[in-house]
Protein backbone atom coordinates (compact mmCIF):
# COMPACT_ATOMS: atom_id res chain seq x y z
CA MET A 1 -2.31 24.64 -10.97
CA ARG A 2 -5.36 24.05 -8.70
CA THR A 3 -7.23 27.05 -7.16
CA ASP A 4 -8.91 27.52 -4.14
CA LYS A 5 -12.08 27.09 -5.84
CA ASP A 6 -11.00 23.78 -7.26
CA LEU A 7 -10.08 22.71 -4.04
CA PHE A 8 -13.53 23.65 -2.22
CA ALA A 9 -15.36 22.03 -4.96
CA ILE A 10 -13.45 18.58 -4.02
CA LEU A 11 -14.44 19.02 -0.70
CA ASP A 12 -17.62 19.97 -0.90
CA ARG A 13 -18.58 16.69 -3.11
CA GLU A 14 -20.59 13.80 -1.42
CA PRO A 15 -18.60 10.73 -0.23
CA LEU A 16 -18.87 7.76 -2.24
CA LYS A 17 -20.99 4.98 -0.41
CA VAL A 18 -18.84 1.93 -0.48
CA VAL A 19 -20.60 -1.37 0.17
CA ILE A 20 -18.67 -4.01 1.99
CA THR A 21 -19.46 -7.31 1.21
CA GLU A 22 -18.06 -11.02 1.70
CA GLU A 23 -16.78 -10.78 -1.84
CA THR A 24 -14.94 -7.50 -0.73
CA ARG A 25 -13.52 -9.62 2.00
CA ASN A 26 -12.20 -12.29 -0.03
CA GLU A 27 -10.78 -10.07 -2.57
CA THR A 28 -8.85 -8.16 0.09
CA LEU A 29 -7.50 -11.34 1.25
CA ARG A 30 -6.37 -12.48 -2.24
CA MET A 31 -4.83 -9.03 -2.69
CA SER A 32 -3.45 -8.44 0.61
CA GLU A 33 0.19 -10.04 -0.48
CA ARG A 34 0.76 -7.36 -2.97
CA CYS A 35 0.15 -4.22 -0.56
CA ARG A 36 1.68 -3.12 2.93
CA GLY A 37 -1.13 -1.74 5.46
CA SER A 38 -3.22 -2.96 8.23
CA VAL A 39 -3.06 -6.61 9.28
CA ARG A 40 -6.67 -6.55 10.61
CA LEU A 41 -7.44 -5.77 6.94
CA ALA A 42 -5.13 -7.94 5.36
CA THR A 43 -6.30 -10.96 7.33
CA GLY A 44 -10.17 -10.21 6.52
CA ARG A 45 -10.77 -9.33 10.02
CA PHE A 46 -13.40 -6.57 9.58
CA TYR A 47 -17.18 -6.27 9.54
CA THR A 48 -19.15 -6.77 6.22
CA ASP A 49 -22.07 -3.84 6.09
CA LYS A 50 -24.53 -7.02 7.00
CA GLU A 51 -22.61 -8.07 10.03
CA TYR A 52 -22.05 -4.54 11.23
CA GLU A 53 -25.76 -3.75 11.05
CA GLU A 54 -26.55 -7.00 12.80
CA LYS A 55 -24.09 -6.21 15.62
CA ARG A 56 -25.45 -2.55 15.82
CA ARG A 57 -29.01 -3.72 16.42
CA LEU A 58 -27.80 -6.05 19.24
CA VAL A 59 -25.59 -3.24 20.93
CA TYR A 60 -28.39 -0.75 20.83
CA GLY A 61 -31.07 -3.03 21.87
CA THR A 62 -29.09 -3.99 24.86
CA ALA A 63 -30.63 -1.92 28.10
CA LEU A 64 -28.61 -0.11 30.17
CA ARG A 65 -28.19 -0.78 34.04
């Protein structure tokens, strides 16, 4: 049986850094038939880390009117 001390130890851990690459997208597309979930993810419509950073730079670099 878990105690409150165990729960806090789990919650206080640093989250894992997940790197999303083109390989991740291809693997997601390949495995999508086996799992249920988001259609957007199953069809590969998500940003890789590189695409996200490029989009982020573009958006943050746009001047506000």
